[in-house]
Amino acid sequence: MPKLKTRKAAAKRFRATGSGKIVRRKAFKNHLLEHKSSNKKRKLSKTVLVDERDAENVRLMLPYL
């Protein structure tokens, strides 16, 4: 069997937890931060689980995750 290629863009955005779930960063934390409250920016800093409906697509992009 040939080796499978990893989608490098996806590899930079997703990682697996110890139990095998996939986590991602939240959006809207890159720029235009002046008008956002500290509370909102703090909540956007956390990582969240990828929704189970999207997890299968992410796993196809990252065959060795």
PDB file of N, CA and C in Angstrom:
ATOM      1  N   MET A   1       0.839  -1.195   0.000  1.00  0.00           N
ATOM      2  CA  MET A   1       0.000   0.000   0.000  1.00  0.00           C
ATOM      3  C   MET A   1       0.877   1.250   0.000  1.00  0.00           C
ATOM      4  N   PRO A   2       0.563   2.224  -0.845  1.00  0.00           N
ATOM      5  CA  PRO A   2       1.325   3.475  -0.775  1.00  0.00           C
ATOM      6  C   PRO A   2       0.939   4.279   0.462  1.00  0.00           C
ATOM      7  N   LYS A   3       1.848   5.147   0.858  1.00  0.00           N
ATOM      8  CA  LYS A   3       1.561   6.004   2.004  1.00  0.00           C
ATOM      9  C   LYS A   3       0.521   7.048   1.607  1.00  0.00           C
ATOM     10  N   LEU A   4      -0.277   7.484   2.574  1.00  0.00           N
ATOM     11  CA  LEU A   4      -1.278   8.518   2.326  1.00  0.00           C
ATOM     12  C   LEU A   4      -0.708   9.876   2.686  1.00  0.00           C
ATOM     13  N   LYS A   5      -1.057  10.888   1.890  1.00  0.00           N
ATOM     14  CA  LYS A   5      -0.570  12.234   2.166  1.00  0.00           C
ATOM     15  C   LYS A   5      -1.501  12.927   3.158  1.00  0.00           C
ATOM     16  N   THR A   6      -0.907  13.690   4.041  1.00  0.00           N
ATOM     17  CA  THR A   6      -1.650  14.504   5.001  1.00  0.00           C
ATOM     18  C   THR A   6      -1.924  15.854   4.380  1.00  0.00           C
ATOM     19  N   ARG A   7      -3.137  16.373   4.578  1.00  0.00           N
ATOM     20  CA  ARG A   7      -3.426  17.744   4.152  1.00  0.00           C
ATOM     21  C   ARG A   7      -2.772  18.685   5.150  1.00  0.00           C
ATOM     22  N   LYS A   8      -1.725  19.392   4.725  1.00  0.00           N
ATOM     23  CA  LYS A   8      -0.932  20.185   5.647  1.00  0.00           C
ATOM     24  C   LYS A   8      -1.729  21.342   6.247  1.00  0.00           C
ATOM     25  N   ALA A   9      -2.664  21.907   5.506  1.00  0.00           N
ATOM     26  CA  ALA A   9      -3.482  22.998   6.045  1.00  0.00           C
ATOM     27  C   ALA A   9      -4.316  22.499   7.209  1.00  0.00           C
ATOM     28  N   ALA A  10      -4.831  21.296   7.101  1.00  0.00           N
ATOM     29  CA  ALA A  10      -5.621  20.720   8.184  1.00  0.00           C
ATOM     30  C   ALA A  10      -4.732  20.329   9.360  1.00  0.00           C
ATOM     31  N   ALA A  11      -3.523  19.874   9.074  1.00  0.00           N
ATOM     32  CA  ALA A  11      -2.618  19.467  10.144  1.00  0.00           C
ATOM     33  C   ALA A  11      -2.252  20.634  11.044  1.00  0.00           C
ATOM     34  N   LYS A  12      -2.240  21.849  10.485  1.00  0.00           N
ATOM     35  CA  LYS A  12      -1.919  23.029  11.275  1.00  0.00           C
ATOM     36  C   LYS A  12      -3.093  23.487  12.125  1.00  0.00           C
ATOM     37  N   ARG A  13      -4.298  23.052  11.801  1.00  0.00           N
ATOM     38  CA  ARG A  13      -5.494  23.559  12.471  1.00  0.00           C
ATOM     39  C   ARG A  13      -6.101  22.617  13.493  1.00  0.00           C
ATOM     40  N   PHE A  14      -5.848  21.332  13.364  1.00  0.00           N
ATOM     41  CA  PHE A  14      -6.507  20.349  14.220  1.00  0.00           C
ATOM     42  C   PHE A  14      -5.473  19.477  14.917  1.00  0.00           C
ATOM     43  N   ARG A  15      -5.832  18.989  16.103  1.00  0.00           N
ATOM     44  CA  ARG A  15      -5.008  17.997  16.784  1.00  0.00           C
ATOM     45  C   ARG A  15      -5.934  17.065  17.546  1.00  0.00           C
ATOM     46  N   ALA A  16      -5.418  15.930  17.945  1.00  0.00           N
ATOM     47  CA  ALA A  16      -6.215  14.929  18.637  1.00  0.00           C
ATOM     48  C   ALA A  16      -5.970  15.016  20.136  1.00  0.00           C
ATOM     49  N   THR A  17      -7.012  14.729  20.919  1.00  0.00           N
ATOM     50  CA  THR A  17      -6.877  14.629  22.365  1.00  0.00           C
ATOM     51  C   THR A  17      -6.418  13.218  22.711  1.00  0.00           C
ATOM     52  N   GLY A  18      -6.189  12.979  23.969  1.00  0.00           N
ATOM     53  CA  GLY A  18      -5.762  11.662  24.389  1.00  0.00           C
ATOM     54  C   GLY A  18      -6.800  10.587  24.121  1.00  0.00           C
ATOM     55  N   SER A  19      -8.071  10.965  24.177  1.00  0.00           N
ATOM     56  CA  SER A  19      -9.137   9.993  23.933  1.00  0.00           C
ATOM     57  C   SER A  19      -9.484   9.868  22.456  1.00  0.00           C
ATOM     58  N   GLY A  20      -8.792  10.616  21.578  1.00  0.00           N
ATOM     59  CA  GLY A  20      -9.006  10.461  20.149  1.00  0.00           C
ATOM     60  C   GLY A  20      -9.959  11.467  19.532  1.00  0.00           C
ATOM     61  N   LYS A  21     -10.513  12.377  20.334  1.00  0.00           N
ATOM     62  CA  LYS A  21     -11.373  13.415  19.765  1.00  0.00           C
ATOM     63  C   LYS A  21     -10.510  14.475  19.115  1.00  0.00           C
ATOM     64  N   ILE A  22     -11.109  15.287  18.238  1.00  0.00           N
ATOM     65  CA  ILE A  22     -10.367  16.305  17.501  1.00  0.00           C
ATOM     66  C   ILE A  22     -10.728  17.674  18.061  1.00  0.00           C
ATOM     67  N   VAL A  23      -9.709  18.486  18.318  1.00  0.00           N
ATOM     68  CA  VAL A  23      -9.938  19.834  18.850  1.00  0.00           C
ATOM     69  C   VAL A  23      -9.465  20.868  17.839  1.00  0.00           C
ATOM     70  N   ARG A  24     -10.036  22.066  17.950  1.00  0.00           N
ATOM     71  CA  ARG A  24      -9.713  23.166  17.053  1.00  0.00           C
ATOM     72  C   ARG A  24      -9.709  24.460  17.847  1.00  0.00           C
ATOM     73  N   ARG A  25      -9.159  25.498  17.253  1.00  0.00           N
ATOM     74  CA  ARG A  25      -9.229  26.835  17.836  1.00  0.00           C
ATOM     75  C   ARG A  25     -10.516  27.505  17.390  1.00  0.00           C
ATOM     76  N   LYS A  26     -10.931  28.524  18.119  1.00  0.00           N
ATOM     77  CA  LYS A  26     -12.112  29.286  17.729  1.00  0.00           C
ATOM     78  C   LYS A  26     -11.719  30.392  16.760  1.00  0.00           C
ATOM     79  N   ALA A  27     -12.676  30.826  15.960  1.00  0.00           N
ATOM     80  CA  ALA A  27     -12.451  31.886  14.979  1.00  0.00           C
ATOM     81  C   ALA A  27     -12.612  33.257  15.635  1.00  0.00           C
ATOM     82  N   PHE A  28     -12.286  34.308  14.878  1.00  0.00           N
ATOM     83  CA  PHE A  28     -12.502  35.716  15.258  1.00  0.00           C
ATOM     84  C   PHE A  28     -11.541  36.197  16.339  1.00  0.00           C
ATOM     85  N   LYS A  29     -10.333  35.656  16.409  1.00  0.00           N
ATOM     86  CA  LYS A  29      -9.376  36.108  17.418  1.00  0.00           C
ATOM     87  C   LYS A  29      -8.088  36.609  16.765  1.00  0.00           C
ATOM     88  N   ASN A  30      -8.116  36.926  15.464  1.00  0.00           N
ATOM     89  CA  ASN A  30      -6.888  37.312  14.776  1.00  0.00           C
ATOM     90  C   ASN A  30      -6.690  38.815  14.675  1.00  0.00           C
ATOM     91  N   HIS A  31      -7.729  39.564  14.339  1.00  0.00           N
ATOM     92  CA  HIS A  31      -7.567  41.006  14.198  1.00  0.00           C
ATOM     93  C   HIS A  31      -8.897  41.665  14.534  1.00  0.00           C
ATOM     94  N   LEU A  32      -8.918  42.996  14.488  1.00  0.00           N
ATOM     95  CA  LEU A  32     -10.108  43.775  14.873  1.00  0.00           C
ATOM     96  C   LEU A  32     -10.514  43.450  16.309  1.00  0.00           C
ATOM     97  N   LEU A  33      -9.522  43.447  17.201  1.00  0.00           N
ATOM     98  CA  LEU A  33      -9.778  43.036  18.580  1.00  0.00           C
ATOM     99  C   LEU A  33     -10.087  44.210  19.503  1.00  0.00           C
ATOM    100  N   GLU A  34      -9.912  45.441  19.025  1.00  0.00           N
ATOM    101  CA  GLU A  34     -10.086  46.594  19.903  1.00  0.00           C
ATOM    102  C   GLU A  34     -11.500  46.707  20.447  1.00  0.00           C
ATOM    103  N   HIS A  35     -12.475  46.471  19.594  1.00  0.00           N
ATOM    104  CA  HIS A  35     -13.861  46.672  20.029  1.00  0.00           C
ATOM    105  C   HIS A  35     -14.448  45.446  20.732  1.00  0.00           C
ATOM    106  N   LYS A  36     -13.718  44.336  20.746  1.00  0.00           N
ATOM    107  CA  LYS A  36     -14.212  43.139  21.428  1.00  0.00           C
ATOM    108  C   LYS A  36     -13.866  43.220  22.906  1.00  0.00           C
ATOM    109  N   SER A  37     -14.763  42.770  23.734  1.00  0.00           N
ATOM    110  CA  SER A  37     -14.538  42.835  25.173  1.00  0.00           C
ATOM    111  C   SER A  37     -13.487  41.806  25.589  1.00  0.00           C
ATOM    112  N   SER A  38     -12.867  42.070  26.729  1.00  0.00           N
ATOM    113  CA  SER A  38     -11.865  41.138  27.255  1.00  0.00           C
ATOM    114  C   SER A  38     -12.481  39.773  27.509  1.00  0.00           C
ATOM    115  N   ASN A  39     -13.720  39.778  27.988  1.00  0.00           N
ATOM    116  CA  ASN A  39     -14.412  38.521  28.271  1.00  0.00           C
ATOM    117  C   ASN A  39     -14.591  37.703  26.989  1.00  0.00           C
ATOM    118  N   LYS A  40     -14.998  38.370  25.910  1.00  0.00           N
ATOM    119  CA  LYS A  40     -15.191  37.685  24.631  1.00  0.00           C
ATOM    120  C   LYS A  40     -13.867  37.152  24.102  1.00  0.00           C
ATOM    121  N   LYS A  41     -12.812  37.966  24.179  1.00  0.00           N
ATOM    122  CA  LYS A  41     -11.508  37.532  23.688  1.00  0.00           C
ATOM    123  C   LYS A  41     -10.979  36.353  24.495  1.00  0.00           C
ATOM    124  N   ARG A  42     -11.230  36.358  25.786  1.00  0.00           N
ATOM    125  CA  ARG A  42     -10.781  35.247  26.634  1.00  0.00           C
ATOM    126  C   ARG A  42     -11.513  33.965  26.252  1.00  0.00           C
ATOM    127  N   LYS A  43     -12.811  34.061  25.985  1.00  0.00           N
ATOM    128  CA  LYS A  43     -13.579  32.870  25.593  1.00  0.00           C
ATOM    129  C   LYS A  43     -13.156  32.357  24.217  1.00  0.00           C
ATOM    130  N   LEU A  44     -12.767  33.267  23.327  1.00  0.00           N
ATOM    131  CA  LEU A  44     -12.330  32.851  21.997  1.00  0.00           C
ATOM    132  C   LEU A  44     -10.957  32.182  22.023  1.00  0.00           C
ATOM    133  N   SER A  45     -10.215  32.348  23.112  1.00  0.00           N
ATOM    134  CA  SER A  45      -8.879  31.763  23.200  1.00  0.00           C
ATOM    135  C   SER A  45      -8.904  30.268  23.462  1.00  0.00           C
ATOM    136  N   LYS A  46     -10.005  29.753  23.955  1.00  0.00           N
ATOM    137  CA  LYS A  46     -10.075  28.342  24.336  1.00  0.00           C
ATOM    138  C   LYS A  46     -10.214  27.447  23.103  1.00  0.00           C
ATOM    139  N   THR A  47      -9.848  26.203  23.266  1.00  0.00           N
ATOM    140  CA  THR A  47     -10.050  25.224  22.200  1.00  0.00           C
ATOM    141  C   THR A  47     -11.358  24.490  22.440  1.00  0.00           C
ATOM    142  N   VAL A  48     -11.974  24.036  21.365  1.00  0.00           N
ATOM    143  CA  VAL A  48     -13.238  23.313  21.454  1.00  0.00           C
ATOM    144  C   VAL A  48     -13.148  22.057  20.600  1.00  0.00           C
ATOM    145  N   LEU A  49     -14.035  21.128  20.871  1.00  0.00           N
ATOM    146  CA  LEU A  49     -14.094  19.902  20.081  1.00  0.00           C
ATOM    147  C   LEU A  49     -14.721  20.190  18.724  1.00  0.00           C
ATOM    148  N   VAL A  50     -14.225  19.517  17.706  1.00  0.00           N
ATOM    149  CA  VAL A  50     -14.839  19.583  16.388  1.00  0.00           C
ATOM    150  C   VAL A  50     -16.165  18.838  16.460  1.00  0.00           C
ATOM    151  N   ASP A  51     -17.197  19.404  15.846  1.00  0.00           N
ATOM    152  CA  ASP A  51     -18.509  18.771  15.842  1.00  0.00           C
ATOM    153  C   ASP A  51     -18.421  17.393  15.192  1.00  0.00           C
ATOM    154  N   GLU A  52     -19.187  16.450  15.724  1.00  0.00           N
ATOM    155  CA  GLU A  52     -19.071  15.071  15.210  1.00  0.00           C
ATOM    156  C   GLU A  52     -19.460  14.961  13.744  1.00  0.00           C
ATOM    157  N   ARG A  53     -20.275  15.906  13.242  1.00  0.00           N
ATOM    158  CA  ARG A  53     -20.646  15.879  11.827  1.00  0.00           C
ATOM    159  C   ARG A  53     -19.478  16.276  10.933  1.00  0.00           C
ATOM    160  N   ASP A  54     -18.526  17.048  11.474  1.00  0.00           N
ATOM    161  CA  ASP A  54     -17.353  17.451  10.696  1.00  0.00           C
ATOM    162  C   ASP A  54     -16.136  16.579  10.965  1.00  0.00           C
ATOM    163  N   ALA A  55     -16.164  15.815  12.036  1.00  0.00           N
ATOM    164  CA  ALA A  55     -14.987  15.060  12.456  1.00  0.00           C
ATOM    165  C   ALA A  55     -14.565  14.037  11.401  1.00  0.00           C
ATOM    166  N   GLU A  56     -15.505  13.435  10.721  1.00  0.00           N
ATOM    167  CA  GLU A  56     -15.166  12.422   9.720  1.00  0.00           C
ATOM    168  C   GLU A  56     -14.367  13.035   8.572  1.00  0.00           C
ATOM    169  N   ASN A  57     -14.765  14.248   8.136  1.00  0.00           N
ATOM    170  CA  ASN A  57     -14.017  14.928   7.073  1.00  0.00           C
ATOM    171  C   ASN A  57     -12.612  15.279   7.528  1.00  0.00           C
ATOM    172  N   VAL A  58     -12.466  15.696   8.770  1.00  0.00           N
ATOM    173  CA  VAL A  58     -11.142  16.037   9.289  1.00  0.00           C
ATOM    174  C   VAL A  58     -10.279  14.788   9.350  1.00  0.00           C
ATOM    175  N   ARG A  59     -10.843  13.678   9.759  1.00  0.00           N
ATOM    176  CA  ARG A  59     -10.068  12.431   9.832  1.00  0.00           C
ATOM    177  C   ARG A  59      -9.602  11.973   8.443  1.00  0.00           C
ATOM    178  N   LEU A  60     -10.411  12.220   7.416  1.00  0.00           N
ATOM    179  CA  LEU A  60      -9.991  11.867   6.059  1.00  0.00           C
ATOM    180  C   LEU A  60      -8.815  12.731   5.600  1.00  0.00           C
ATOM    181  N   MET A  61      -8.778  13.996   6.068  1.00  0.00           N
ATOM    182  CA  MET A  61      -7.680  14.885   5.709  1.00  0.00           C
ATOM    183  C   MET A  61      -6.406  14.558   6.478  1.00  0.00           C
ATOM    184  N   LEU A  62      -6.559  13.933   7.657  1.00  0.00           N
ATOM    185  CA  LEU A  62      -5.421  13.619   8.512  1.00  0.00           C
ATOM    186  C   LEU A  62      -5.383  12.108   8.768  1.00  0.00           C
ATOM    187  N   PRO A  63      -4.893  11.337   7.823  1.00  0.00           N
ATOM    188  CA  PRO A  63      -4.984   9.877   7.954  1.00  0.00           C
ATOM    189  C   PRO A  63      -4.182   9.308   9.103  1.00  0.00           C
ATOM    190  N   TYR A  64      -3.150  10.007   9.590  1.00  0.00           N
ATOM    191  CA  TYR A  64      -2.322   9.456  10.659  1.00  0.00           C
ATOM    192  C   TYR A  64      -2.548  10.157  11.995  1.00  0.00           C
ATOM    193  N   LEU A  65      -3.677  10.806  12.163  1.00  0.00           N
ATOM    194  CA  LEU A  65      -3.986  11.502  13.415  1.00  0.00           C
ATOM    195  C   LEU A  65      -4.364  10.511  14.488  1.00  0.00           C
TER     196      LEU A  65
END
